[in-house]
């Protein structure tokens, strides 16, 4: 088993890593299936019986079926030959959630049937197996998924593209090693403690509620700025004027959250990261401007979807 594993790793390491893969005679492999071997055995028995009993019709049927088998071998190989595979960018997910991989198959020839995709190591990455047909001079999409078990960057496993078309007597396949990686954000703590107090003066905290919370004092509107959350957008005004505008509250600039590593107050490293991830999500949900402080890493203050993604990425890659 150890030798087999080393040989497998050596073979996979020889495959070039690429997010696009064109199938040619040089990278397509074909072998008979179990049904193909049984079919060949039946043909041999039919031929021996025809020779023994001098059956002319037996000769004809044996060679007719053998010819059909040879034609099916060429059809099986031709089903994959000439296809181009492309892996679309993989969106980030939280650790433990399924990451959906979309593979686009481009066909510059005739119609292809029964093309399947699955992971090379199905025992490790799950039984993801999909089949698709590809129209002539067209494209088709196939989706497989992996579940990253922990935060960080995870390479996309080796994919197998195969077909048994038309009769299942032969299996043609190729091995594809994508260059893409899947970013897994840390799974947030649930339930998480309340957010730390924003950096604002005590009299301002007593006089006005936090921006984005229920009951925040509404002072007016301003043009939408990149980083504003969807909760700040005044959709009624957008519908009337066609221009994006956002709420503006008093003291917005003076209130800022600093999500600090020291504020997590001990515990295991992954527990502290999970708490920070929960605070990031809550701060973005409430519309706060926030920054992130990690040992050796500082994220400047910002707000909105882009800030949330930047903070989660920093937490996912911190070590």
C-alpha atoms as a PDB file:
ATOM      1  CA  UNK A   1       0.000   0.000   0.000  1.00  0.00           C
ATOM      2  CA  UNK A   2       2.833   2.418   0.791  1.00  0.00           C
ATOM      3  CA  UNK A   3       4.465   1.741  -2.595  1.00  0.00           C
ATOM      4  CA  UNK A   4       1.156   2.204  -4.352  1.00  0.00           C
ATOM      5  CA  UNK A   5       0.609   5.501  -2.543  1.00  0.00           C
ATOM      6  CA  UNK A   6       4.079   6.773  -3.484  1.00  0.00           C
ATOM      7  CA  UNK A   7       3.548   5.787  -7.110  1.00  0.00           C
ATOM      8  CA  UNK A   8       0.203   7.581  -7.124  1.00  0.00           C
ATOM      9  CA  UNK A   9       1.717  10.746  -5.652  1.00  0.00           C
ATOM     10  CA  UNK A  10       4.580  10.610  -8.163  1.00  0.00           C
ATOM     11  CA  UNK A  11       2.140  10.230 -11.039  1.00  0.00           C
ATOM     12  CA  UNK A  12      -0.123  13.074  -9.883  1.00  0.00           C
ATOM     13  CA  UNK A  13       2.880  15.349  -9.338  1.00  0.00           C
ATOM     14  CA  UNK A  14       3.725  14.955 -13.025  1.00  0.00           C
ATOM     15  CA  UNK A  15       0.403  16.488 -14.024  1.00  0.00           C
ATOM     16  CA  UNK A  16       0.640  20.231 -14.759  1.00  0.00           C
ATOM     17  CA  UNK A  17      -1.559  22.394 -12.532  1.00  0.00           C
ATOM     18  CA  UNK A  18      -3.927  24.476 -14.635  1.00  0.00           C
ATOM     19  CA  UNK A  19      -7.473  25.790 -14.422  1.00  0.00           C
ATOM     20  CA  UNK A  20      -7.976  24.987 -18.131  1.00  0.00           C
ATOM     21  CA  UNK A  21      -7.450  21.498 -19.554  1.00  0.00           C
ATOM     22  CA  UNK A  22      -7.776  20.460 -23.203  1.00  0.00           C
ATOM     23  CA  UNK A  23      -8.272  16.748 -23.876  1.00  0.00           C
ATOM     24  CA  UNK A  24      -6.120  15.247 -26.608  1.00  0.00           C
ATOM     25  CA  UNK A  25      -4.788  11.814 -27.482  1.00  0.00           C
ATOM     26  CA  UNK A  26      -1.814  12.487 -25.193  1.00  0.00           C
ATOM     27  CA  UNK A  27      -3.835  12.794 -21.963  1.00  0.00           C
ATOM     28  CA  UNK A  28      -6.805  10.441 -22.510  1.00  0.00           C
ATOM     29  CA  UNK A  29      -6.575   6.845 -21.294  1.00  0.00           C
ATOM     30  CA  UNK A  30      -8.887   3.991 -22.272  1.00  0.00           C
ATOM     31  CA  UNK A  31      -9.352   0.430 -21.006  1.00  0.00           C
ATOM     32  CA  UNK A  32     -12.109  -2.190 -21.210  1.00  0.00           C
ATOM     33  CA  UNK A  33     -14.627  -2.242 -18.389  1.00  0.00           C
ATOM     34  CA  UNK A  34     -15.755  -5.399 -16.612  1.00  0.00           C
ATOM     35  CA  UNK A  35     -18.632  -5.595 -19.077  1.00  0.00           C
ATOM     36  CA  UNK A  36     -16.115  -5.236 -21.890  1.00  0.00           C
ATOM     37  CA  UNK A  37     -14.078  -8.197 -20.669  1.00  0.00           C
ATOM     38  CA  UNK A  38     -17.238 -10.306 -20.353  1.00  0.00           C
ATOM     39  CA  UNK A  39     -18.237  -9.264 -23.874  1.00  0.00           C
ATOM     40  CA  UNK A  40     -14.808 -10.321 -25.208  1.00  0.00           C
ATOM     41  CA  UNK A  41     -15.070 -13.681 -23.428  1.00  0.00           C
ATOM     42  CA  UNK A  42     -18.505 -14.303 -24.940  1.00  0.00           C
ATOM     43  CA  UNK A  43     -17.136 -13.506 -28.403  1.00  0.00           C
ATOM     44  CA  UNK A  44     -14.302 -16.018 -27.927  1.00  0.00           C
ATOM     45  CA  UNK A  45     -16.771 -18.706 -26.833  1.00  0.00           C
ATOM     46  CA  UNK A  46     -19.037 -17.948 -29.796  1.00  0.00           C
ATOM     47  CA  UNK A  47     -16.089 -18.160 -32.184  1.00  0.00           C
ATOM     48  CA  UNK A  48     -14.931 -21.495 -30.696  1.00  0.00           C
ATOM     49  CA  UNK A  49     -18.453 -22.904 -30.941  1.00  0.00           C
ATOM     50  CA  UNK A  50     -18.724 -21.745 -34.553  1.00  0.00           C
ATOM     51  CA  UNK A  51     -15.394 -23.385 -35.415  1.00  0.00           C
ATOM     52  CA  UNK A  52     -16.358 -26.606 -33.653  1.00  0.00           C
ATOM     53  CA  UNK A  53     -19.784 -26.926 -35.272  1.00  0.00           C
ATOM     54  CA  UNK A  54     -18.914 -25.229 -38.598  1.00  0.00           C
ATOM     55  CA  UNK A  55     -21.641 -22.569 -38.150  1.00  0.00           C
ATOM     56  CA  UNK A  56     -21.377 -19.943 -40.881  1.00  0.00           C
ATOM     57  CA  UNK A  57     -23.976 -17.759 -39.205  1.00  0.00           C
ATOM     58  CA  UNK A  58     -21.994 -18.087 -35.963  1.00  0.00           C
ATOM     59  CA  UNK A  59     -18.911 -16.748 -37.750  1.00  0.00           C
ATOM     60  CA  UNK A  60     -20.910 -13.844 -39.144  1.00  0.00           C
ATOM     61  CA  UNK A  61     -22.455 -12.952 -35.784  1.00  0.00           C
ATOM     62  CA  UNK A  62     -19.123 -13.228 -33.943  1.00  0.00           C
ATOM     63  CA  UNK A  63     -17.281 -10.913 -36.349  1.00  0.00           C
ATOM     64  CA  UNK A  64     -20.248  -8.526 -36.526  1.00  0.00           C
ATOM     65  CA  UNK A  65     -20.267  -8.145 -32.742  1.00  0.00           C
ATOM     66  CA  UNK A  66     -16.473  -7.824 -32.650  1.00  0.00           C
ATOM     67  CA  UNK A  67     -16.668  -5.015 -35.207  1.00  0.00           C
ATOM     68  CA  UNK A  68     -19.341  -3.267 -33.137  1.00  0.00           C
ATOM     69  CA  UNK A  69     -17.060  -3.513 -30.099  1.00  0.00           C
ATOM     70  CA  UNK A  70     -14.134  -1.962 -31.976  1.00  0.00           C
ATOM     71  CA  UNK A  71     -16.332   0.870 -33.246  1.00  0.00           C
ATOM     72  CA  UNK A  72     -17.591   1.503 -29.698  1.00  0.00           C
ATOM     73  CA  UNK A  73     -13.958   1.829 -28.525  1.00  0.00           C
ATOM     74  CA  UNK A  74     -13.357   4.647 -31.026  1.00  0.00           C
ATOM     75  CA  UNK A  75     -16.650   6.317 -30.072  1.00  0.00           C
ATOM     76  CA  UNK A  76     -15.773   6.171 -26.370  1.00  0.00           C
ATOM     77  CA  UNK A  77     -12.372   7.764 -26.946  1.00  0.00           C
ATOM     78  CA  UNK A  78     -13.842  10.356 -29.319  1.00  0.00           C
ATOM     79  CA  UNK A  79     -16.415  11.431 -26.746  1.00  0.00           C
ATOM     80  CA  UNK A  80     -13.654  13.067 -24.682  1.00  0.00           C
ATOM     81  CA  UNK A  81     -11.169  14.006 -27.399  1.00  0.00           C
ATOM     82  CA  UNK A  82     -11.275  17.721 -28.212  1.00  0.00           C
ATOM     83  CA  UNK A  83     -13.133  18.879 -25.078  1.00  0.00           C
ATOM     84  CA  UNK A  84     -11.793  21.867 -23.131  1.00  0.00           C
ATOM     85  CA  UNK A  85     -12.415  22.094 -19.384  1.00  0.00           C
ATOM     86  CA  UNK A  86     -12.315  25.340 -17.426  1.00  0.00           C
ATOM     87  CA  UNK A  87     -12.758  25.806 -13.675  1.00  0.00           C
ATOM     88  CA  UNK A  88     -14.486  29.043 -12.699  1.00  0.00           C
ATOM     89  CA  UNK A  89     -13.184  30.965  -9.648  1.00  0.00           C
ATOM     90  CA  UNK A  90     -14.279  29.234  -6.448  1.00  0.00           C
ATOM     91  CA  UNK A  91     -16.056  31.495  -3.909  1.00  0.00           C
ATOM     92  CA  UNK A  92     -14.892  31.455  -0.302  1.00  0.00           C
ATOM     93  CA  UNK A  93     -16.951  29.518   2.238  1.00  0.00           C
ATOM     94  CA  UNK A  94     -16.921  28.972   5.982  1.00  0.00           C
ATOM     95  CA  UNK A  95     -15.018  25.933   7.217  1.00  0.00           C
ATOM     96  CA  UNK A  96     -17.319  22.921   7.262  1.00  0.00           C
ATOM     97  CA  UNK A  97     -19.587  24.262   4.485  1.00  0.00           C
ATOM     98  CA  UNK A  98     -19.647  22.845   0.962  1.00  0.00           C
ATOM     99  CA  UNK A  99     -17.713  24.790  -1.663  1.00  0.00           C
ATOM    100  CA  UNK A 100     -19.367  24.457  -5.076  1.00  0.00           C
ATOM    101  CA  UNK A 101     -16.970  24.067  -8.010  1.00  0.00           C
ATOM    102  CA  UNK A 102     -18.312  24.912 -11.461  1.00  0.00           C
ATOM    103  CA  UNK A 103     -16.556  23.247 -14.396  1.00  0.00           C
ATOM    104  CA  UNK A 104     -17.388  24.550 -17.878  1.00  0.00           C
ATOM    105  CA  UNK A 105     -16.976  21.999 -20.670  1.00  0.00           C
ATOM    106  CA  UNK A 106     -16.523  23.503 -24.150  1.00  0.00           C
ATOM    107  CA  UNK A 107     -17.218  21.366 -27.184  1.00  0.00           C
ATOM    108  CA  UNK A 108     -16.036  22.443 -30.638  1.00  0.00           C
ATOM    109  CA  UNK A 109     -17.218  19.253 -32.326  1.00  0.00           C
ATOM    110  CA  UNK A 110     -20.343  17.153 -32.477  1.00  0.00           C
ATOM    111  CA  UNK A 111     -22.695  16.397 -29.613  1.00  0.00           C
ATOM    112  CA  UNK A 112     -21.161  14.493 -26.668  1.00  0.00           C
ATOM    113  CA  UNK A 113     -23.101  12.258 -24.302  1.00  0.00           C
ATOM    114  CA  UNK A 114     -22.456  10.705 -20.918  1.00  0.00           C
ATOM    115  CA  UNK A 115     -19.454  12.743 -19.717  1.00  0.00           C
ATOM    116  CA  UNK A 116     -18.913  12.337 -15.976  1.00  0.00           C
ATOM    117  CA  UNK A 117     -16.776  14.132 -13.377  1.00  0.00           C
ATOM    118  CA  UNK A 118     -15.680  12.993  -9.948  1.00  0.00           C
ATOM    119  CA  UNK A 119     -12.744  13.444  -7.576  1.00  0.00           C
ATOM    120  CA  UNK A 120      -9.802  11.121  -8.061  1.00  0.00           C
ATOM    121  CA  UNK A 121      -9.828  10.241  -4.343  1.00  0.00           C
ATOM    122  CA  UNK A 122     -13.548   9.713  -3.813  1.00  0.00           C
ATOM    123  CA  UNK A 123     -13.054   8.077  -0.425  1.00  0.00           C
ATOM    124  CA  UNK A 124     -11.485  11.241   0.962  1.00  0.00           C
ATOM    125  CA  UNK A 125     -13.441  13.979  -0.803  1.00  0.00           C
ATOM    126  CA  UNK A 126     -16.863  12.365  -0.861  1.00  0.00           C
ATOM    127  CA  UNK A 127     -18.937  10.616  -3.542  1.00  0.00           C
ATOM    128  CA  UNK A 128     -19.314  13.712  -5.739  1.00  0.00           C
ATOM    129  CA  UNK A 129     -20.088  12.331  -9.201  1.00  0.00           C
ATOM    130  CA  UNK A 130     -22.008  14.177 -11.925  1.00  0.00           C
ATOM    131  CA  UNK A 131     -22.905  13.361 -15.517  1.00  0.00           C
ATOM    132  CA  UNK A 132     -23.651  15.796 -18.309  1.00  0.00           C
ATOM    133  CA  UNK A 133     -24.278  15.983 -22.050  1.00  0.00           C
ATOM    134  CA  UNK A 134     -22.593  18.675 -24.136  1.00  0.00           C
ATOM    135  CA  UNK A 135     -24.329  20.113 -27.218  1.00  0.00           C
ATOM    136  CA  UNK A 136     -22.532  20.390 -30.541  1.00  0.00           C
ATOM    137  CA  UNK A 137     -20.465  23.582 -30.818  1.00  0.00           C
ATOM    138  CA  UNK A 138     -21.621  24.551 -27.335  1.00  0.00           C
ATOM    139  CA  UNK A 139     -20.917  24.451 -23.625  1.00  0.00           C
ATOM    140  CA  UNK A 140     -22.227  22.690 -20.535  1.00  0.00           C
ATOM    141  CA  UNK A 141     -21.579  23.195 -16.829  1.00  0.00           C
ATOM    142  CA  UNK A 142     -21.012  20.520 -14.213  1.00  0.00           C
ATOM    143  CA  UNK A 143     -20.913  21.142 -10.463  1.00  0.00           C
ATOM    144  CA  UNK A 144     -18.988  19.179  -7.854  1.00  0.00           C
ATOM    145  CA  UNK A 145     -18.409  20.176  -4.247  1.00  0.00           C
ATOM    146  CA  UNK A 146     -15.814  19.767  -1.520  1.00  0.00           C
ATOM    147  CA  UNK A 147     -16.063  20.523   2.195  1.00  0.00           C
ATOM    148  CA  UNK A 148     -12.946  22.205   3.634  1.00  0.00           C
ATOM    149  CA  UNK A 149     -12.646  20.919   7.215  1.00  0.00           C
ATOM    150  CA  UNK A 150     -10.697  23.905   8.614  1.00  0.00           C
ATOM    151  CA  UNK A 151      -9.869  27.517   7.842  1.00  0.00           C
ATOM    152  CA  UNK A 152      -7.198  28.423   5.319  1.00  0.00           C
ATOM    153  CA  UNK A 153      -6.402  27.752   1.679  1.00  0.00           C
ATOM    154  CA  UNK A 154      -7.200  24.283   0.347  1.00  0.00           C
ATOM    155  CA  UNK A 155      -6.082  22.997  -3.073  1.00  0.00           C
ATOM    156  CA  UNK A 156      -8.788  21.709  -5.380  1.00  0.00           C
ATOM    157  CA  UNK A 157      -8.440  17.891  -5.515  1.00  0.00           C
ATOM    158  CA  UNK A 158      -7.541  16.079  -8.722  1.00  0.00           C
ATOM    159  CA  UNK A 159     -10.604  15.612 -10.928  1.00  0.00           C
ATOM    160  CA  UNK A 160     -11.357  12.630 -13.143  1.00  0.00           C
ATOM    161  CA  UNK A 161     -13.311  13.236 -16.353  1.00  0.00           C
ATOM    162  CA  UNK A 162     -14.602  10.005 -17.850  1.00  0.00           C
ATOM    163  CA  UNK A 163     -17.140   8.428 -20.183  1.00  0.00           C
ATOM    164  CA  UNK A 164     -18.572   4.958 -20.833  1.00  0.00           C
ATOM    165  CA  UNK A 165     -20.545   6.008 -23.899  1.00  0.00           C
ATOM    166  CA  UNK A 166     -21.968   4.336 -25.953  1.00  0.00           C
ATOM    167  CA  UNK A 167     -22.181   0.719 -24.703  1.00  0.00           C
ATOM    168  CA  UNK A 168     -20.168   0.728 -21.470  1.00  0.00           C
ATOM    169  CA  UNK A 169     -17.630  -1.717 -22.914  1.00  0.00           C
ATOM    170  CA  UNK A 170     -14.746   0.743 -22.559  1.00  0.00           C
ATOM    171  CA  UNK A 171     -13.904   3.469 -20.060  1.00  0.00           C
ATOM    172  CA  UNK A 172     -12.040   6.533 -21.300  1.00  0.00           C
ATOM    173  CA  UNK A 173     -10.783   9.029 -18.735  1.00  0.00           C
ATOM    174  CA  UNK A 174      -8.340  11.834 -18.025  1.00  0.00           C
ATOM    175  CA  UNK A 175      -6.827  13.219 -14.810  1.00  0.00           C
ATOM    176  CA  UNK A 176      -6.972  16.983 -14.291  1.00  0.00           C
ATOM    177  CA  UNK A 177      -5.138  18.847 -11.518  1.00  0.00           C
ATOM    178  CA  UNK A 178      -6.639  22.358 -11.169  1.00  0.00           C
ATOM    179  CA  UNK A 179      -4.398  25.166  -9.950  1.00  0.00           C
ATOM    180  CA  UNK A 180      -7.210  26.897  -8.035  1.00  0.00           C
ATOM    181  CA  UNK A 181      -7.557  26.907  -4.267  1.00  0.00           C
ATOM    182  CA  UNK A 182     -10.578  27.179  -1.978  1.00  0.00           C
ATOM    183  CA  UNK A 183     -10.468  29.799   0.773  1.00  0.00           C
ATOM    184  CA  UNK A 184     -12.199  28.603   3.951  1.00  0.00           C
ATOM    185  CA  UNK A 185     -13.134  31.336   6.421  1.00  0.00           C
ATOM    186  CA  UNK A 186     -13.131  30.404  10.124  1.00  0.00           C
ATOM    187  CA  UNK A 187     -16.506  29.254  11.362  1.00  0.00           C
ATOM    188  CA  UNK A 188     -17.848  31.960  13.711  1.00  0.00           C
ATOM    189  CA  UNK A 189     -18.521  31.280  17.360  1.00  0.00           C
ATOM    190  CA  UNK A 190     -22.181  30.714  18.158  1.00  0.00           C
ATOM    191  CA  UNK A 191     -23.495  32.285  20.259  1.00  0.00           C
ATOM    192  CA  UNK A 192     -20.853  35.004  20.410  1.00  0.00           C
ATOM    193  CA  UNK A 193     -20.473  37.566  23.223  1.00  0.00           C
ATOM    194  CA  UNK A 194     -21.512  41.165  22.640  1.00  0.00           C
ATOM    195  CA  UNK A 195     -19.364  43.402  20.482  1.00  0.00           C
ATOM    196  CA  UNK A 196     -16.658  45.411  22.248  1.00  0.00           C
ATOM    197  CA  UNK A 197     -17.454  49.081  22.823  1.00  0.00           C
ATOM    198  CA  UNK A 198     -16.649  51.380  19.882  1.00  0.00           C
ATOM    199  CA  UNK A 199     -13.930  53.999  20.155  1.00  0.00           C
ATOM    200  CA  UNK A 200     -16.100  57.004  21.013  1.00  0.00           C
ATOM    201  CA  UNK A 201     -16.232  59.572  23.805  1.00  0.00           C
ATOM    202  CA  UNK A 202     -18.317  58.677  26.837  1.00  0.00           C
ATOM    203  CA  UNK A 203     -20.674  61.649  26.486  1.00  0.00           C
ATOM    204  CA  UNK A 204     -21.335  60.765  22.855  1.00  0.00           C
ATOM    205  CA  UNK A 205     -22.104  57.179  23.866  1.00  0.00           C
ATOM    206  CA  UNK A 206     -24.622  58.370  26.402  1.00  0.00           C
ATOM    207  CA  UNK A 207     -26.197  60.950  24.108  1.00  0.00           C
ATOM    208  CA  UNK A 208     -26.656  58.926  20.908  1.00  0.00           C
ATOM    209  CA  UNK A 209     -27.117  55.240  20.036  1.00  0.00           C
ATOM    210  CA  UNK A 210     -24.623  53.409  17.832  1.00  0.00           C
ATOM    211  CA  UNK A 211     -24.839  53.933  14.101  1.00  0.00           C
ATOM    212  CA  UNK A 212     -26.814  51.173  12.431  1.00  0.00           C
ATOM    213  CA  UNK A 213     -28.580  50.019  15.631  1.00  0.00           C
ATOM    214  CA  UNK A 214     -32.308  50.210  16.208  1.00  0.00           C
ATOM    215  CA  UNK A 215     -33.419  53.769  16.883  1.00  0.00           C
ATOM    216  CA  UNK A 216     -30.321  55.473  15.416  1.00  0.00           C
ATOM    217  CA  UNK A 217     -30.905  59.191  14.890  1.00  0.00           C
ATOM    218  CA  UNK A 218     -31.489  59.947  11.239  1.00  0.00           C
ATOM    219  CA  UNK A 219     -29.819  63.191  10.116  1.00  0.00           C
ATOM    220  CA  UNK A 220     -30.142  63.006   6.335  1.00  0.00           C
ATOM    221  CA  UNK A 221     -28.881  61.301   3.246  1.00  0.00           C
ATOM    222  CA  UNK A 222     -25.674  61.287   1.285  1.00  0.00           C
ATOM    223  CA  UNK A 223     -24.463  59.739  -1.940  1.00  0.00           C
ATOM    224  CA  UNK A 224     -23.728  56.023  -1.690  1.00  0.00           C
ATOM    225  CA  UNK A 225     -20.075  55.261  -1.019  1.00  0.00           C
ATOM    226  CA  UNK A 226     -18.264  52.030  -1.733  1.00  0.00           C
ATOM    227  CA  UNK A 227     -18.300  49.958   1.445  1.00  0.00           C
ATOM    228  CA  UNK A 228     -21.777  51.063   2.638  1.00  0.00           C
ATOM    229  CA  UNK A 229     -23.895  48.134   3.773  1.00  0.00           C
ATOM    230  CA  UNK A 230     -27.242  47.345   2.151  1.00  0.00           C
ATOM    231  CA  UNK A 231     -28.979  48.357   5.391  1.00  0.00           C
ATOM    232  CA  UNK A 232     -27.807  51.942   4.864  1.00  0.00           C
ATOM    233  CA  UNK A 233     -29.296  52.268   1.367  1.00  0.00           C
ATOM    234  CA  UNK A 234     -32.593  54.185   1.145  1.00  0.00           C
ATOM    235  CA  UNK A 235     -34.349  51.965  -1.372  1.00  0.00           C
ATOM    236  CA  UNK A 236     -37.476  54.152  -1.634  1.00  0.00           C
ATOM    237  CA  UNK A 237     -35.393  57.126  -2.711  1.00  0.00           C
ATOM    238  CA  UNK A 238     -33.452  54.898  -5.085  1.00  0.00           C
ATOM    239  CA  UNK A 239     -36.709  53.748  -6.686  1.00  0.00           C
ATOM    240  CA  UNK A 240     -37.857  57.351  -7.189  1.00  0.00           C
ATOM    241  CA  UNK A 241     -34.625  58.988  -8.308  1.00  0.00           C
ATOM    242  CA  UNK A 242     -32.648  56.082  -9.728  1.00  0.00           C
ATOM    243  CA  UNK A 243     -29.554  57.167  -7.740  1.00  0.00           C
ATOM    244  CA  UNK A 244     -27.995  55.235  -4.881  1.00  0.00           C
ATOM    245  CA  UNK A 245     -28.156  57.145  -1.594  1.00  0.00           C
ATOM    246  CA  UNK A 246     -27.350  56.055   1.956  1.00  0.00           C
ATOM    247  CA  UNK A 247     -28.435  57.061   5.445  1.00  0.00           C
ATOM    248  CA  UNK A 248     -26.173  59.450   7.322  1.00  0.00           C
ATOM    249  CA  UNK A 249     -26.321  59.499  11.134  1.00  0.00           C
ATOM    250  CA  UNK A 250     -24.914  61.935  13.630  1.00  0.00           C
ATOM    251  CA  UNK A 251     -21.493  61.128  14.964  1.00  0.00           C
ATOM    252  CA  UNK A 252     -20.858  58.441  12.363  1.00  0.00           C
ATOM    253  CA  UNK A 253     -17.212  59.385  11.892  1.00  0.00           C
ATOM    254  CA  UNK A 254     -16.472  59.377  15.622  1.00  0.00           C
ATOM    255  CA  UNK A 255     -17.666  55.826  16.270  1.00  0.00           C
ATOM    256  CA  UNK A 256     -15.391  53.014  15.228  1.00  0.00           C
ATOM    257  CA  UNK A 257     -14.999  49.443  16.426  1.00  0.00           C
ATOM    258  CA  UNK A 258     -11.570  47.931  16.903  1.00  0.00           C
ATOM    259  CA  UNK A 259     -11.746  44.146  16.956  1.00  0.00           C
ATOM    260  CA  UNK A 260      -8.590  43.291  18.839  1.00  0.00           C
ATOM    261  CA  UNK A 261      -7.014  39.904  19.467  1.00  0.00           C
ATOM    262  CA  UNK A 262      -6.497  40.913  23.095  1.00  0.00           C
ATOM    263  CA  UNK A 263     -10.268  41.471  23.515  1.00  0.00           C
ATOM    264  CA  UNK A 264     -10.958  37.762  23.064  1.00  0.00           C
ATOM    265  CA  UNK A 265      -9.489  37.128  26.535  1.00  0.00           C
ATOM    266  CA  UNK A 266      -7.581  33.878  26.331  1.00  0.00           C
ATOM    267  CA  UNK A 267      -8.712  30.489  25.195  1.00  0.00           C
ATOM    268  CA  UNK A 268      -7.475  28.311  22.364  1.00  0.00           C
ATOM    269  CA  UNK A 269      -6.245  29.995  19.177  1.00  0.00           C
ATOM    270  CA  UNK A 270      -9.089  28.654  17.041  1.00  0.00           C
ATOM    271  CA  UNK A 271     -11.668  29.687  19.649  1.00  0.00           C
ATOM    272  CA  UNK A 272     -10.335  33.248  19.658  1.00  0.00           C
ATOM    273  CA  UNK A 273     -10.372  33.368  15.852  1.00  0.00           C
ATOM    274  CA  UNK A 274     -13.946  32.027  15.841  1.00  0.00           C
ATOM    275  CA  UNK A 275     -14.968  34.820  18.235  1.00  0.00           C
ATOM    276  CA  UNK A 276     -13.341  37.469  16.072  1.00  0.00           C
ATOM    277  CA  UNK A 277     -15.111  36.039  13.021  1.00  0.00           C
ATOM    278  CA  UNK A 278     -18.448  36.289  14.835  1.00  0.00           C
ATOM    279  CA  UNK A 279     -17.705  39.908  15.775  1.00  0.00           C
ATOM    280  CA  UNK A 280     -16.822  40.721  12.165  1.00  0.00           C
ATOM    281  CA  UNK A 281     -20.167  39.387  10.953  1.00  0.00           C
ATOM    282  CA  UNK A 282     -22.101  41.214  13.656  1.00  0.00           C
ATOM    283  CA  UNK A 283     -20.271  44.494  13.084  1.00  0.00           C
ATOM    284  CA  UNK A 284     -21.005  44.346   9.371  1.00  0.00           C
ATOM    285  CA  UNK A 285     -24.637  43.423  10.034  1.00  0.00           C
ATOM    286  CA  UNK A 286     -25.065  46.477  12.279  1.00  0.00           C
ATOM    287  CA  UNK A 287     -23.313  48.777   9.793  1.00  0.00           C
ATOM    288  CA  UNK A 288     -20.352  49.685  12.029  1.00  0.00           C
ATOM    289  CA  UNK A 289     -17.002  50.816  10.727  1.00  0.00           C
ATOM    290  CA  UNK A 290     -14.457  48.423  12.173  1.00  0.00           C
ATOM    291  CA  UNK A 291     -10.820  47.456  12.014  1.00  0.00           C
ATOM    292  CA  UNK A 292      -9.052  44.246  12.953  1.00  0.00           C
ATOM    293  CA  UNK A 293      -5.921  43.777  15.051  1.00  0.00           C
ATOM    294  CA  UNK A 294      -4.087  40.448  14.988  1.00  0.00           C
ATOM    295  CA  UNK A 295      -0.574  39.671  16.216  1.00  0.00           C
ATOM    296  CA  UNK A 296       1.618  40.845  13.356  1.00  0.00           C
ATOM    297  CA  UNK A 297      -1.318  41.985  11.216  1.00  0.00           C
ATOM    298  CA  UNK A 298      -3.418  45.163  11.189  1.00  0.00           C
ATOM    299  CA  UNK A 299      -6.477  45.729   9.017  1.00  0.00           C
ATOM    300  CA  UNK A 300      -7.433  49.411   8.603  1.00  0.00           C
ATOM    301  CA  UNK A 301     -10.911  50.534   9.496  1.00  0.00           C
ATOM    302  CA  UNK A 302     -13.712  50.225   6.961  1.00  0.00           C
ATOM    303  CA  UNK A 303     -17.292  49.101   6.587  1.00  0.00           C
ATOM    304  CA  UNK A 304     -19.470  47.057   4.324  1.00  0.00           C
ATOM    305  CA  UNK A 305     -19.144  43.837   2.370  1.00  0.00           C
ATOM    306  CA  UNK A 306     -15.574  44.464   1.176  1.00  0.00           C
ATOM    307  CA  UNK A 307     -14.366  45.085   4.725  1.00  0.00           C
ATOM    308  CA  UNK A 308     -16.125  41.958   5.966  1.00  0.00           C
ATOM    309  CA  UNK A 309     -14.481  39.800   3.309  1.00  0.00           C
ATOM    310  CA  UNK A 310     -11.067  41.345   3.959  1.00  0.00           C
ATOM    311  CA  UNK A 311     -11.370  40.710   7.699  1.00  0.00           C
ATOM    312  CA  UNK A 312     -12.521  37.108   7.257  1.00  0.00           C
ATOM    313  CA  UNK A 313      -9.692  36.476   4.801  1.00  0.00           C
ATOM    314  CA  UNK A 314      -7.169  37.878   7.275  1.00  0.00           C
ATOM    315  CA  UNK A 315      -8.540  35.556   9.966  1.00  0.00           C
ATOM    316  CA  UNK A 316      -8.535  32.564   7.605  1.00  0.00           C
ATOM    317  CA  UNK A 317      -4.889  33.024   6.593  1.00  0.00           C
ATOM    318  CA  UNK A 318      -3.456  34.130   9.946  1.00  0.00           C
ATOM    319  CA  UNK A 319      -1.061  31.706  11.573  1.00  0.00           C
END
